């Protein structure tokens, strides 16, 4: 074997080993928490909120409320003060009692619901179930707090 062929073989082996080592590192690496992995998604959701919060269409308002609850579940430590102001306005001024109630639930969840784990109950096709679960868990938390 010539020196050139030998060096080429060693170089090829090193490249192959580096590739395998890189793949093994990716496979064994700890997954990033959602807060880091979906940081850009939070920004997109807030831009979508800005557009949707100006709508007078009840379905858009209701979907926005649902999306905010989901957003809080994924990003529990983010700032929601402007969202809370909008939710409070909807709950106080909305002529649709169901939407006003959901806005109140969402406002309470964003303010006080950090320890409540509702992520697993969210089903994009069943908003009603999600709001019922939030209501039940907030009521249970309130009851537990009152009994202490």
C-alpha atoms as a PDB file:
ATOM      1  CA  UNK A   1       0.000   0.000   0.000  1.00  0.00           C
ATOM      2  CA  UNK A   2       1.421   3.333  -0.919  1.00  0.00           C
ATOM      3  CA  UNK A   3       1.686   6.194   1.503  1.00  0.00           C
ATOM      4  CA  UNK A   4      -0.852   8.232  -0.450  1.00  0.00           C
ATOM      5  CA  UNK A   5      -3.434   5.403  -0.394  1.00  0.00           C
ATOM      6  CA  UNK A   6      -2.763   4.771   3.299  1.00  0.00           C
ATOM      7  CA  UNK A   7      -3.266   8.465   4.147  1.00  0.00           C
ATOM      8  CA  UNK A   8      -6.441   8.530   2.063  1.00  0.00           C
ATOM      9  CA  UNK A   9      -7.773   5.492   3.926  1.00  0.00           C
ATOM     10  CA  UNK A  10      -6.990   7.055   7.301  1.00  0.00           C
ATOM     11  CA  UNK A  11      -8.609  10.332   6.263  1.00  0.00           C
ATOM     12  CA  UNK A  12     -11.706   8.490   5.014  1.00  0.00           C
ATOM     13  CA  UNK A  13     -11.916   6.540   8.280  1.00  0.00           C
ATOM     14  CA  UNK A  14     -11.626   9.752  10.315  1.00  0.00           C
ATOM     15  CA  UNK A  15     -14.436  11.397   8.322  1.00  0.00           C
ATOM     16  CA  UNK A  16     -16.625   8.296   8.746  1.00  0.00           C
ATOM     17  CA  UNK A  17     -15.883   8.148  12.484  1.00  0.00           C
ATOM     18  CA  UNK A  18     -16.635  11.860  12.931  1.00  0.00           C
ATOM     19  CA  UNK A  19     -19.972  11.393  11.153  1.00  0.00           C
ATOM     20  CA  UNK A  20     -20.913   8.410  13.306  1.00  0.00           C
ATOM     21  CA  UNK A  21     -19.839  10.221  16.468  1.00  0.00           C
ATOM     22  CA  UNK A  22     -21.948  13.247  15.477  1.00  0.00           C
ATOM     23  CA  UNK A  23     -25.012  11.071  14.889  1.00  0.00           C
ATOM     24  CA  UNK A  24     -24.496   9.265  18.190  1.00  0.00           C
ATOM     25  CA  UNK A  25     -24.240  12.592  19.983  1.00  0.00           C
ATOM     26  CA  UNK A  26     -27.518  13.746  18.393  1.00  0.00           C
ATOM     27  CA  UNK A  27     -29.237  10.524  19.428  1.00  0.00           C
ATOM     28  CA  UNK A  28     -28.028  10.692  23.018  1.00  0.00           C
ATOM     29  CA  UNK A  29     -28.467  14.445  23.470  1.00  0.00           C
ATOM     30  CA  UNK A  30     -31.190  15.501  25.875  1.00  0.00           C
ATOM     31  CA  UNK A  31     -34.180  17.022  24.105  1.00  0.00           C
ATOM     32  CA  UNK A  32     -34.478  20.745  24.571  1.00  0.00           C
ATOM     33  CA  UNK A  33     -37.377  21.989  26.676  1.00  0.00           C
ATOM     34  CA  UNK A  34     -40.311  23.432  24.699  1.00  0.00           C
ATOM     35  CA  UNK A  35     -39.451  26.934  25.934  1.00  0.00           C
ATOM     36  CA  UNK A  36     -36.206  26.809  23.926  1.00  0.00           C
ATOM     37  CA  UNK A  37     -37.284  24.569  21.067  1.00  0.00           C
ATOM     38  CA  UNK A  38     -40.371  26.649  20.236  1.00  0.00           C
ATOM     39  CA  UNK A  39     -39.142  30.176  21.027  1.00  0.00           C
ATOM     40  CA  UNK A  40     -39.866  31.376  17.477  1.00  0.00           C
ATOM     41  CA  UNK A  41     -43.338  29.841  17.702  1.00  0.00           C
ATOM     42  CA  UNK A  42     -44.151  32.033  20.712  1.00  0.00           C
ATOM     43  CA  UNK A  43     -43.293  35.132  18.683  1.00  0.00           C
ATOM     44  CA  UNK A  44     -45.504  33.916  15.824  1.00  0.00           C
ATOM     45  CA  UNK A  45     -48.360  33.240  18.234  1.00  0.00           C
ATOM     46  CA  UNK A  46     -48.113  36.727  19.702  1.00  0.00           C
ATOM     47  CA  UNK A  47     -48.155  38.291  16.216  1.00  0.00           C
ATOM     48  CA  UNK A  48     -51.224  36.171  15.388  1.00  0.00           C
ATOM     49  CA  UNK A  49     -52.797  37.308  18.662  1.00  0.00           C
ATOM     50  CA  UNK A  50     -52.225  40.949  17.688  1.00  0.00           C
ATOM     51  CA  UNK A  51     -54.159  40.406  14.441  1.00  0.00           C
ATOM     52  CA  UNK A  52     -56.901  38.219  15.918  1.00  0.00           C
ATOM     53  CA  UNK A  53     -57.542  40.466  18.921  1.00  0.00           C
ATOM     54  CA  UNK A  54     -58.770  43.202  16.551  1.00  0.00           C
ATOM     55  CA  UNK A  55     -61.447  40.929  15.060  1.00  0.00           C
ATOM     56  CA  UNK A  56     -65.133  41.163  15.883  1.00  0.00           C
ATOM     57  CA  UNK A  57     -65.861  37.669  14.552  1.00  0.00           C
ATOM     58  CA  UNK A  58     -66.942  35.460  17.507  1.00  0.00           C
ATOM     59  CA  UNK A  59     -65.263  32.320  16.132  1.00  0.00           C
ATOM     60  CA  UNK A  60     -61.926  34.095  15.787  1.00  0.00           C
ATOM     61  CA  UNK A  61     -62.233  35.503  19.308  1.00  0.00           C
ATOM     62  CA  UNK A  62     -63.029  32.071  20.738  1.00  0.00           C
ATOM     63  CA  UNK A  63     -60.173  30.379  18.851  1.00  0.00           C
ATOM     64  CA  UNK A  64     -57.786  33.095  19.998  1.00  0.00           C
ATOM     65  CA  UNK A  65     -58.768  32.473  23.614  1.00  0.00           C
ATOM     66  CA  UNK A  66     -58.177  28.731  23.165  1.00  0.00           C
ATOM     67  CA  UNK A  67     -54.804  29.337  21.496  1.00  0.00           C
ATOM     68  CA  UNK A  68     -53.731  31.597  24.368  1.00  0.00           C
ATOM     69  CA  UNK A  69     -54.495  28.856  26.894  1.00  0.00           C
ATOM     70  CA  UNK A  70     -52.453  26.416  24.818  1.00  0.00           C
ATOM     71  CA  UNK A  71     -49.655  28.970  24.536  1.00  0.00           C
ATOM     72  CA  UNK A  72     -49.550  29.373  28.331  1.00  0.00           C
ATOM     73  CA  UNK A  73     -49.312  25.584  28.670  1.00  0.00           C
ATOM     74  CA  UNK A  74     -46.247  25.459  26.423  1.00  0.00           C
ATOM     75  CA  UNK A  75     -44.714  28.766  27.550  1.00  0.00           C
ATOM     76  CA  UNK A  76     -45.646  29.099  31.237  1.00  0.00           C
ATOM     77  CA  UNK A  77     -42.956  31.663  32.063  1.00  0.00           C
ATOM     78  CA  UNK A  78     -43.581  34.184  29.309  1.00  0.00           C
ATOM     79  CA  UNK A  79     -45.112  37.636  29.739  1.00  0.00           C
ATOM     80  CA  UNK A  80     -48.878  37.757  29.189  1.00  0.00           C
ATOM     81  CA  UNK A  81     -49.860  41.184  30.546  1.00  0.00           C
ATOM     82  CA  UNK A  82     -51.220  42.593  27.260  1.00  0.00           C
ATOM     83  CA  UNK A  83     -53.030  39.304  26.627  1.00  0.00           C
ATOM     84  CA  UNK A  84     -54.587  39.504  30.079  1.00  0.00           C
ATOM     85  CA  UNK A  85     -55.820  43.037  29.407  1.00  0.00           C
ATOM     86  CA  UNK A  86     -57.515  41.822  26.218  1.00  0.00           C
ATOM     87  CA  UNK A  87     -59.040  38.790  27.976  1.00  0.00           C
ATOM     88  CA  UNK A  88     -60.387  41.010  30.755  1.00  0.00           C
ATOM     89  CA  UNK A  89     -61.901  43.351  28.153  1.00  0.00           C
ATOM     90  CA  UNK A  90     -63.539  40.449  26.298  1.00  0.00           C
ATOM     91  CA  UNK A  91     -64.913  38.941  29.513  1.00  0.00           C
ATOM     92  CA  UNK A  92     -66.366  42.303  30.568  1.00  0.00           C
ATOM     93  CA  UNK A  93     -67.712  43.532  27.227  1.00  0.00           C
ATOM     94  CA  UNK A  94     -68.516  40.513  25.055  1.00  0.00           C
ATOM     95  CA  UNK A  95     -72.210  40.113  24.274  1.00  0.00           C
ATOM     96  CA  UNK A  96     -71.784  36.322  23.863  1.00  0.00           C
ATOM     97  CA  UNK A  97     -71.925  34.856  27.386  1.00  0.00           C
ATOM     98  CA  UNK A  98     -70.062  31.678  26.363  1.00  0.00           C
ATOM     99  CA  UNK A  99     -67.130  33.610  24.938  1.00  0.00           C
ATOM    100  CA  UNK A 100     -67.104  35.955  27.939  1.00  0.00           C
ATOM    101  CA  UNK A 101     -66.981  32.924  30.266  1.00  0.00           C
ATOM    102  CA  UNK A 102     -64.133  31.341  28.279  1.00  0.00           C
ATOM    103  CA  UNK A 103     -62.239  34.631  28.381  1.00  0.00           C
ATOM    104  CA  UNK A 104     -62.681  34.705  32.162  1.00  0.00           C
ATOM    105  CA  UNK A 105     -61.438  31.112  32.460  1.00  0.00           C
ATOM    106  CA  UNK A 106     -58.459  31.846  30.238  1.00  0.00           C
ATOM    107  CA  UNK A 107     -57.644  34.974  32.243  1.00  0.00           C
ATOM    108  CA  UNK A 108     -57.730  33.010  35.495  1.00  0.00           C
ATOM    109  CA  UNK A 109     -55.632  30.240  33.954  1.00  0.00           C
ATOM    110  CA  UNK A 110     -53.001  32.670  32.694  1.00  0.00           C
ATOM    111  CA  UNK A 111     -52.864  34.423  36.065  1.00  0.00           C
ATOM    112  CA  UNK A 112     -53.128  31.523  38.509  1.00  0.00           C
ATOM    113  CA  UNK A 113     -52.875  28.281  36.593  1.00  0.00           C
ATOM    114  CA  UNK A 114     -49.142  27.661  36.270  1.00  0.00           C
ATOM    115  CA  UNK A 115     -49.149  24.502  38.392  1.00  0.00           C
ATOM    116  CA  UNK A 116     -52.166  23.116  36.529  1.00  0.00           C
ATOM    117  CA  UNK A 117     -51.151  20.578  33.927  1.00  0.00           C
ATOM    118  CA  UNK A 118     -53.667  20.832  31.093  1.00  0.00           C
ATOM    119  CA  UNK A 119     -51.300  20.093  28.207  1.00  0.00           C
ATOM    120  CA  UNK A 120     -52.346  16.452  27.942  1.00  0.00           C
ATOM    121  CA  UNK A 121     -56.066  17.222  27.641  1.00  0.00           C
ATOM    122  CA  UNK A 122     -55.820  19.604  24.703  1.00  0.00           C
ATOM    123  CA  UNK A 123     -57.323  18.285  21.538  1.00  0.00           C
ATOM    124  CA  UNK A 124     -57.379  20.707  18.599  1.00  0.00           C
ATOM    125  CA  UNK A 125     -60.771  19.336  17.589  1.00  0.00           C
ATOM    126  CA  UNK A 126     -62.404  19.661  21.013  1.00  0.00           C
ATOM    127  CA  UNK A 127     -62.130  23.149  22.453  1.00  0.00           C
ATOM    128  CA  UNK A 128     -65.072  22.571  24.788  1.00  0.00           C
ATOM    129  CA  UNK A 129     -63.307  19.712  26.560  1.00  0.00           C
ATOM    130  CA  UNK A 130     -60.230  21.869  27.070  1.00  0.00           C
ATOM    131  CA  UNK A 131     -62.229  24.698  28.646  1.00  0.00           C
ATOM    132  CA  UNK A 132     -64.180  22.268  30.850  1.00  0.00           C
ATOM    133  CA  UNK A 133     -60.896  20.754  32.030  1.00  0.00           C
ATOM    134  CA  UNK A 134     -59.430  24.176  32.784  1.00  0.00           C
ATOM    135  CA  UNK A 135     -62.590  25.114  34.706  1.00  0.00           C
ATOM    136  CA  UNK A 136     -62.537  21.869  36.716  1.00  0.00           C
ATOM    137  CA  UNK A 137     -58.852  22.156  37.517  1.00  0.00           C
ATOM    138  CA  UNK A 138     -59.126  25.819  38.513  1.00  0.00           C
ATOM    139  CA  UNK A 139     -62.097  24.932  40.747  1.00  0.00           C
ATOM    140  CA  UNK A 140     -60.129  22.073  42.324  1.00  0.00           C
ATOM    141  CA  UNK A 141     -57.178  24.382  42.913  1.00  0.00           C
ATOM    142  CA  UNK A 142     -59.446  27.011  44.466  1.00  0.00           C
ATOM    143  CA  UNK A 143     -61.056  24.375  46.701  1.00  0.00           C
ATOM    144  CA  UNK A 144     -57.668  22.979  47.733  1.00  0.00           C
ATOM    145  CA  UNK A 145     -56.430  26.499  48.528  1.00  0.00           C
ATOM    146  CA  UNK A 146     -59.575  27.273  50.527  1.00  0.00           C
ATOM    147  CA  UNK A 147     -59.307  24.063  52.570  1.00  0.00           C
ATOM    148  CA  UNK A 148     -55.685  24.656  53.578  1.00  0.00           C
END
